[in-house]
All heavy atoms as atom14 arrays in JSON, in Angstrom:
{
  "sequence": "SYALLAPAMVAVGISYVIINNNTIYESQVQSP",
  "atom14_mask": [
    [1, 1, 1, 1, 1, 1, 0, 0, 0, 0, 0, 0, 0, 0],
    [1, 1, 1, 1, 1, 1, 1, 1, 1, 1, 1, 1, 0, 0],
    [1, 1, 1, 1, 1, 0, 0, 0, 0, 0, 0, 0, 0, 0],
    [1, 1, 1, 1, 1, 1, 1, 1, 0, 0, 0, 0, 0, 0],
    [1, 1, 1, 1, 1, 1, 1, 1, 0, 0, 0, 0, 0, 0],
    [1, 1, 1, 1, 1, 0, 0, 0, 0, 0, 0, 0, 0, 0],
    [1, 1, 1, 1, 1, 1, 1, 0, 0, 0, 0, 0, 0, 0],
    [1, 1, 1, 1, 1, 0, 0, 0, 0, 0, 0, 0, 0, 0],
    [1, 1, 1, 1, 1, 1, 1, 1, 0, 0, 0, 0, 0, 0],
    [1, 1, 1, 1, 1, 1, 1, 0, 0, 0, 0, 0, 0, 0],
    [1, 1, 1, 1, 1, 0, 0, 0, 0, 0, 0, 0, 0, 0],
    [1, 1, 1, 1, 1, 1, 1, 0, 0, 0, 0, 0, 0, 0],
    [1, 1, 1, 1, 0, 0, 0, 0, 0, 0, 0, 0, 0, 0],
    [1, 1, 1, 1, 1, 1, 1, 1, 0, 0, 0, 0, 0, 0],
    [1, 1, 1, 1, 1, 1, 0, 0, 0, 0, 0, 0, 0, 0],
    [1, 1, 1, 1, 1, 1, 1, 1, 1, 1, 1, 1, 0, 0],
    [1, 1, 1, 1, 1, 1, 1, 0, 0, 0, 0, 0, 0, 0],
    [1, 1, 1, 1, 1, 1, 1, 1, 0, 0, 0, 0, 0, 0],
    [1, 1, 1, 1, 1, 1, 1, 1, 0, 0, 0, 0, 0, 0],
    [1, 1, 1, 1, 1, 1, 1, 1, 0, 0, 0, 0, 0, 0],
    [1, 1, 1, 1, 1, 1, 1, 1, 0, 0, 0, 0, 0, 0],
    [1, 1, 1, 1, 1, 1, 1, 1, 0, 0, 0, 0, 0, 0],
    [1, 1, 1, 1, 1, 1, 1, 0, 0, 0, 0, 0, 0, 0],
    [1, 1, 1, 1, 1, 1, 1, 1, 0, 0, 0, 0, 0, 0],
    [1, 1, 1, 1, 1, 1, 1, 1, 1, 1, 1, 1, 0, 0],
    [1, 1, 1, 1, 1, 1, 1, 1, 1, 0, 0, 0, 0, 0],
    [1, 1, 1, 1, 1, 1, 0, 0, 0, 0, 0, 0, 0, 0],
    [1, 1, 1, 1, 1, 1, 1, 1, 1, 0, 0, 0, 0, 0],
    [1, 1, 1, 1, 1, 1, 1, 0, 0, 0, 0, 0, 0, 0],
    [1, 1, 1, 1, 1, 1, 1, 1, 1, 0, 0, 0, 0, 0],
    [1, 1, 1, 1, 1, 1, 0, 0, 0, 0, 0, 0, 0, 0],
    [1, 1, 1, 1, 1, 1, 1, 0, 0, 0, 0, 0, 0, 0]
  ],
  "atom14_positions": [
    [[18.82, -24.99, 31.85], [19.65, -25.98, 31.18], [18.8, -27.18, 30.8], [17.85, -27.54, 31.5], [20.8, -26.42, 32.09], [21.49, -27.52, 31.54], [0.0, 0.0, 0.0], [0.0, 0.0, 0.0], [0.0, 0.0, 0.0], [0.0, 0.0, 0.0], [0.0, 0.0, 0.0], [0.0, 0.0, 0.0], [0.0, 0.0, 0.0], [0.0, 0.0, 0.0]],
    [[19.18, -27.81, 29.69], [18.5, -29.04, 29.28], [19.16, -30.28, 29.86], [18.75, -31.4, 29.58], [18.49, -29.15, 27.76], [17.49, -28.24, 27.1], [17.89, -27.06, 26.48], [16.13, -28.54, 27.1], [16.98, -26.21, 25.89], [15.21, -27.71, 26.51], [15.63, -26.54, 25.9], [14.72, -25.7, 25.32], [0.0, 0.0, 0.0], [0.0, 0.0, 0.0]],
    [[20.18, -30.07, 30.68], [20.9, -31.22, 31.23], [20.02, -32.08, 32.12], [20.25, -33.28, 32.26], [22.13, -30.75, 32.0], [0.0, 0.0, 0.0], [0.0, 0.0, 0.0], [0.0, 0.0, 0.0], [0.0, 0.0, 0.0], [0.0, 0.0, 0.0], [0.0, 0.0, 0.0], [0.0, 0.0, 0.0], [0.0, 0.0, 0.0], [0.0, 0.0, 0.0]],
    [[19.0, -31.46, 32.75], [18.11, -32.22, 33.63], [16.88, -32.76, 32.91], [16.01, -33.34, 33.55], [17.66, -31.35, 34.8], [18.61, -31.25, 35.99], [17.99, -30.42, 37.1], [18.98, -32.62, 36.51], [0.0, 0.0, 0.0], [0.0, 0.0, 0.0], [0.0, 0.0, 0.0], [0.0, 0.0, 0.0], [0.0, 0.0, 0.0], [0.0, 0.0, 0.0]],
    [[16.83, -32.58, 31.6], [15.66, -33.06, 30.87], [15.56, -34.58, 30.93], [14.47, -35.13, 31.17], [15.72, -32.59, 29.42], [14.5, -32.94, 28.55], [13.23, -32.34, 29.16], [14.7, -32.44, 27.12], [0.0, 0.0, 0.0], [0.0, 0.0, 0.0], [0.0, 0.0, 0.0], [0.0, 0.0, 0.0], [0.0, 0.0, 0.0], [0.0, 0.0, 0.0]],
    [[16.68, -35.26, 30.71], [16.65, -36.73, 30.76], [16.29, -37.25, 32.15], [15.41, -38.12, 32.28], [17.99, -37.3, 30.31], [0.0, 0.0, 0.0], [0.0, 0.0, 0.0], [0.0, 0.0, 0.0], [0.0, 0.0, 0.0], [0.0, 0.0, 0.0], [0.0, 0.0, 0.0], [0.0, 0.0, 0.0], [0.0, 0.0, 0.0], [0.0, 0.0, 0.0]],
    [[16.92, -36.74, 33.23], [16.47, -37.18, 34.57], [15.0, -36.89, 34.83], [14.3, -37.7, 35.44], [17.38, -36.38, 35.51], [18.61, -36.1, 34.71], [18.14, -35.9, 33.31], [0.0, 0.0, 0.0], [0.0, 0.0, 0.0], [0.0, 0.0, 0.0], [0.0, 0.0, 0.0], [0.0, 0.0, 0.0], [0.0, 0.0, 0.0], [0.0, 0.0, 0.0]],
    [[14.53, -35.73, 34.38], [13.12, -35.4, 34.59], [12.22, -36.36, 33.83], [11.17, -36.78, 34.34], [12.85, -33.96, 34.15], [0.0, 0.0, 0.0], [0.0, 0.0, 0.0], [0.0, 0.0, 0.0], [0.0, 0.0, 0.0], [0.0, 0.0, 0.0], [0.0, 0.0, 0.0], [0.0, 0.0, 0.0], [0.0, 0.0, 0.0], [0.0, 0.0, 0.0]],
    [[12.59, -36.71, 32.61], [11.78, -37.64, 31.83], [11.68, -38.99, 32.52], [10.61, -39.62, 32.56], [12.36, -37.79, 30.43], [12.26, -36.54, 29.58], [13.13, -36.67, 27.99], [12.15, -37.93, 27.17], [0.0, 0.0, 0.0], [0.0, 0.0, 0.0], [0.0, 0.0, 0.0], [0.0, 0.0, 0.0], [0.0, 0.0, 0.0], [0.0, 0.0, 0.0]],
    [[12.79, -39.45, 33.09], [12.79, -40.74, 33.78], [11.9, -40.69, 35.02], [11.0, -41.53, 35.2], [14.23, -41.15, 34.15], [14.22, -42.38, 35.05], [15.06, -41.4, 32.9], [0.0, 0.0, 0.0], [0.0, 0.0, 0.0], [0.0, 0.0, 0.0], [0.0, 0.0, 0.0], [0.0, 0.0, 0.0], [0.0, 0.0, 0.0], [0.0, 0.0, 0.0]],
    [[12.14, -39.7, 35.88], [11.41, -39.63, 37.16], [9.94, -39.32, 36.95], [9.07, -39.97, 37.55], [12.06, -38.58, 38.06], [0.0, 0.0, 0.0], [0.0, 0.0, 0.0], [0.0, 0.0, 0.0], [0.0, 0.0, 0.0], [0.0, 0.0, 0.0], [0.0, 0.0, 0.0], [0.0, 0.0, 0.0], [0.0, 0.0, 0.0], [0.0, 0.0, 0.0]],
    [[9.65, -38.33, 36.12], [8.25, -37.95, 35.89], [7.5, -39.09, 35.21], [6.35, -39.39, 35.57], [8.17, -36.67, 35.05], [6.71, -36.35, 34.7], [8.78, -35.5, 35.8], [0.0, 0.0, 0.0], [0.0, 0.0, 0.0], [0.0, 0.0, 0.0], [0.0, 0.0, 0.0], [0.0, 0.0, 0.0], [0.0, 0.0, 0.0], [0.0, 0.0, 0.0]],
    [[8.13, -39.73, 34.23], [7.47, -40.83, 33.54], [7.11, -41.97, 34.47], [6.0, -42.5, 34.43], [0.0, 0.0, 0.0], [0.0, 0.0, 0.0], [0.0, 0.0, 0.0], [0.0, 0.0, 0.0], [0.0, 0.0, 0.0], [0.0, 0.0, 0.0], [0.0, 0.0, 0.0], [0.0, 0.0, 0.0], [0.0, 0.0, 0.0], [0.0, 0.0, 0.0]],
    [[8.04, -42.36, 35.33], [7.77, -43.46, 36.26], [6.69, -43.06, 37.27], [5.76, -43.83, 37.55], [9.07, -43.86, 36.99], [10.04, -44.5, 35.99], [8.78, -44.82, 38.13], [11.4, -44.83, 36.58], [0.0, 0.0, 0.0], [0.0, 0.0, 0.0], [0.0, 0.0, 0.0], [0.0, 0.0, 0.0], [0.0, 0.0, 0.0], [0.0, 0.0, 0.0]],
    [[6.8, -41.86, 37.81], [5.79, -41.38, 38.76], [4.41, -41.33, 38.12], [3.4, -41.74, 38.72], [6.18, -40.0, 39.28], [5.17, -39.45, 40.08], [0.0, 0.0, 0.0], [0.0, 0.0, 0.0], [0.0, 0.0, 0.0], [0.0, 0.0, 0.0], [0.0, 0.0, 0.0], [0.0, 0.0, 0.0], [0.0, 0.0, 0.0], [0.0, 0.0, 0.0]],
    [[4.35, -40.86, 36.89], [3.08, -40.74, 36.16], [2.41, -42.1, 35.98], [1.21, -42.26, 36.17], [3.36, -40.09, 34.81], [2.17, -39.94, 33.9], [1.29, -38.86, 34.04], [1.93, -40.84, 32.87], [0.21, -38.71, 33.19], [0.86, -40.7, 32.02], [0.0, -39.63, 32.19], [-1.07, -39.5, 31.35], [0.0, 0.0, 0.0], [0.0, 0.0, 0.0]],
    [[3.21, -43.1, 35.63], [2.67, -44.44, 35.43], [2.17, -45.04, 36.74], [1.11, -45.67, 36.8], [3.73, -45.35, 34.78], [3.26, -46.8, 34.76], [4.04, -44.88, 33.36], [0.0, 0.0, 0.0], [0.0, 0.0, 0.0], [0.0, 0.0, 0.0], [0.0, 0.0, 0.0], [0.0, 0.0, 0.0], [0.0, 0.0, 0.0], [0.0, 0.0, 0.0]],
    [[2.94, -44.86, 37.81], [2.55, -45.43, 39.1], [1.27, -44.78, 39.63], [0.34, -45.46, 40.08], [3.69, -45.26, 40.13], [4.89, -46.12, 39.73], [3.21, -45.63, 41.53], [6.11, -45.93, 40.62], [0.0, 0.0, 0.0], [0.0, 0.0, 0.0], [0.0, 0.0, 0.0], [0.0, 0.0, 0.0], [0.0, 0.0, 0.0], [0.0, 0.0, 0.0]],
    [[1.2, -43.47, 39.56], [0.03, -42.75, 40.09], [-1.21, -43.02, 39.26], [-2.33, -43.05, 39.78], [0.33, -41.25, 40.17], [1.44, -40.99, 41.2], [-0.91, -40.45, 40.55], [1.91, -39.56, 41.27], [0.0, 0.0, 0.0], [0.0, 0.0, 0.0], [0.0, 0.0, 0.0], [0.0, 0.0, 0.0], [0.0, 0.0, 0.0], [0.0, 0.0, 0.0]],
    [[-1.04, -43.21, 37.98], [-2.14, -43.53, 37.07], [-3.22, -42.45, 37.16], [-2.91, -41.26, 37.06], [-2.69, -44.92, 37.38], [-3.49, -45.5, 36.24], [-3.56, -44.93, 35.16], [-4.09, -46.65, 36.46], [0.0, 0.0, 0.0], [0.0, 0.0, 0.0], [0.0, 0.0, 0.0], [0.0, 0.0, 0.0], [0.0, 0.0, 0.0], [0.0, 0.0, 0.0]],
    [[-4.47, -42.81, 37.37], [-5.56, -41.84, 37.39], [-5.89, -41.31, 38.78], [-6.96, -40.73, 38.98], [-6.82, -42.45, 36.77], [-6.72, -42.57, 35.26], [-5.87, -41.93, 34.63], [-7.55, -43.4, 34.67], [0.0, 0.0, 0.0], [0.0, 0.0, 0.0], [0.0, 0.0, 0.0], [0.0, 0.0, 0.0], [0.0, 0.0, 0.0], [0.0, 0.0, 0.0]],
    [[-5.02, -41.51, 39.74], [-5.24, -41.01, 41.09], [-4.86, -39.53, 41.15], [-3.86, -39.14, 41.76], [-4.44, -41.82, 42.1], [-4.9, -43.25, 42.19], [-5.89, -43.55, 42.84], [-4.19, -44.15, 41.5], [0.0, 0.0, 0.0], [0.0, 0.0, 0.0], [0.0, 0.0, 0.0], [0.0, 0.0, 0.0], [0.0, 0.0, 0.0], [0.0, 0.0, 0.0]],
    [[-5.65, -38.72, 40.53], [-5.34, -37.3, 40.38], [-5.72, -36.5, 41.62], [-6.65, -36.87, 42.35], [-6.06, -36.72, 39.16], [-5.84, -35.32, 39.09], [-7.56, -36.98, 39.23], [0.0, 0.0, 0.0], [0.0, 0.0, 0.0], [0.0, 0.0, 0.0], [0.0, 0.0, 0.0], [0.0, 0.0, 0.0], [0.0, 0.0, 0.0], [0.0, 0.0, 0.0]],
    [[-5.0, -35.42, 41.84], [-5.33, -34.51, 42.94], [-6.46, -33.57, 42.54], [-7.07, -32.92, 43.39], [-4.07, -33.7, 43.36], [-4.27, -33.03, 44.73], [-3.72, -32.67, 42.29], [-4.4, -33.98, 45.87], [0.0, 0.0, 0.0], [0.0, 0.0, 0.0], [0.0, 0.0, 0.0], [0.0, 0.0, 0.0], [0.0, 0.0, 0.0], [0.0, 0.0, 0.0]],
    [[-6.75, -33.48, 41.24], [-7.82, -32.63, 40.74], [-8.98, -33.51, 40.33], [-9.03, -34.04, 39.22], [-7.34, -31.8, 39.55], [-6.23, -30.83, 39.88], [-4.95, -31.03, 39.36], [-6.44, -29.74, 40.7], [-3.92, -30.14, 39.66], [-5.42, -28.84, 41.0], [-4.16, -29.06, 40.48], [-3.15, -28.19, 40.79], [0.0, 0.0, 0.0], [0.0, 0.0, 0.0]],
    [[-9.94, -33.7, 41.23], [-11.03, -34.62, 40.96], [-11.95, -34.14, 39.84], [-12.73, -34.92, 39.31], [-11.85, -34.86, 42.22], [-12.57, -33.65, 42.76], [-13.44, -33.96, 43.96], [-13.5, -35.15, 44.34], [-14.04, -33.03, 44.52], [0.0, 0.0, 0.0], [0.0, 0.0, 0.0], [0.0, 0.0, 0.0], [0.0, 0.0, 0.0], [0.0, 0.0, 0.0]],
    [[-11.88, -32.86, 39.49], [-12.72, -32.35, 38.41], [-12.17, -32.68, 37.03], [-12.84, -32.42, 36.03], [-12.88, -30.84, 38.54], [-11.63, -30.18, 38.49], [0.0, 0.0, 0.0], [0.0, 0.0, 0.0], [0.0, 0.0, 0.0], [0.0, 0.0, 0.0], [0.0, 0.0, 0.0], [0.0, 0.0, 0.0], [0.0, 0.0, 0.0], [0.0, 0.0, 0.0]],
    [[-10.97, -33.23, 36.96], [-10.42, -33.62, 35.66], [-11.29, -34.74, 35.06], [-11.66, -35.68, 35.75], [-8.98, -34.12, 35.81], [-7.94, -33.04, 36.01], [-6.55, -33.63, 36.19], [-6.39, -34.71, 36.73], [-5.54, -32.9, 35.74], [0.0, 0.0, 0.0], [0.0, 0.0, 0.0], [0.0, 0.0, 0.0], [0.0, 0.0, 0.0], [0.0, 0.0, 0.0]],
    [[-11.58, -34.61, 33.78], [-12.29, -35.67, 33.07], [-11.27, -36.51, 32.31], [-10.12, -36.13, 32.16], [-13.35, -35.11, 32.12], [-14.46, -34.43, 32.91], [-12.73, -34.13, 31.13], [0.0, 0.0, 0.0], [0.0, 0.0, 0.0], [0.0, 0.0, 0.0], [0.0, 0.0, 0.0], [0.0, 0.0, 0.0], [0.0, 0.0, 0.0], [0.0, 0.0, 0.0]],
    [[-11.72, -37.65, 31.82], [-10.79, -38.58, 31.21], [-10.06, -37.99, 30.01], [-8.85, -38.11, 29.88], [-11.54, -39.85, 30.77], [-10.64, -40.96, 30.23], [-9.71, -41.51, 31.28], [-10.09, -41.69, 32.43], [-8.47, -41.79, 30.9], [0.0, 0.0, 0.0], [0.0, 0.0, 0.0], [0.0, 0.0, 0.0], [0.0, 0.0, 0.0], [0.0, 0.0, 0.0]],
    [[-10.8, -37.32, 29.14], [-10.21, -36.77, 27.92], [-11.16, -35.72, 27.36], [-12.3, -35.6, 27.83], [-9.98, -37.88, 26.88], [-11.22, -38.39, 26.42], [0.0, 0.0, 0.0], [0.0, 0.0, 0.0], [0.0, 0.0, 0.0], [0.0, 0.0, 0.0], [0.0, 0.0, 0.0], [0.0, 0.0, 0.0], [0.0, 0.0, 0.0], [0.0, 0.0, 0.0]],
    [[-10.74, -34.95, 26.36], [-11.67, -33.99, 25.75], [-12.95, -34.63, 25.24], [-14.01, -34.01, 25.27], [-10.84, -33.39, 24.6], [-9.43, -33.5, 25.07], [-9.36, -34.8, 25.85], [0.0, 0.0, 0.0], [0.0, 0.0, 0.0], [0.0, 0.0, 0.0], [0.0, 0.0, 0.0], [0.0, 0.0, 0.0], [0.0, 0.0, 0.0], [0.0, 0.0, 0.0]]
  ]
}
């Protein structure tokens, strides 16, 4: 269902901003 898309966008977006570049995958590079 797409009913949880809006809640997911809110929660994931806020979490993403707070965590910033503190990634669990240290091999990730900044960008291509």
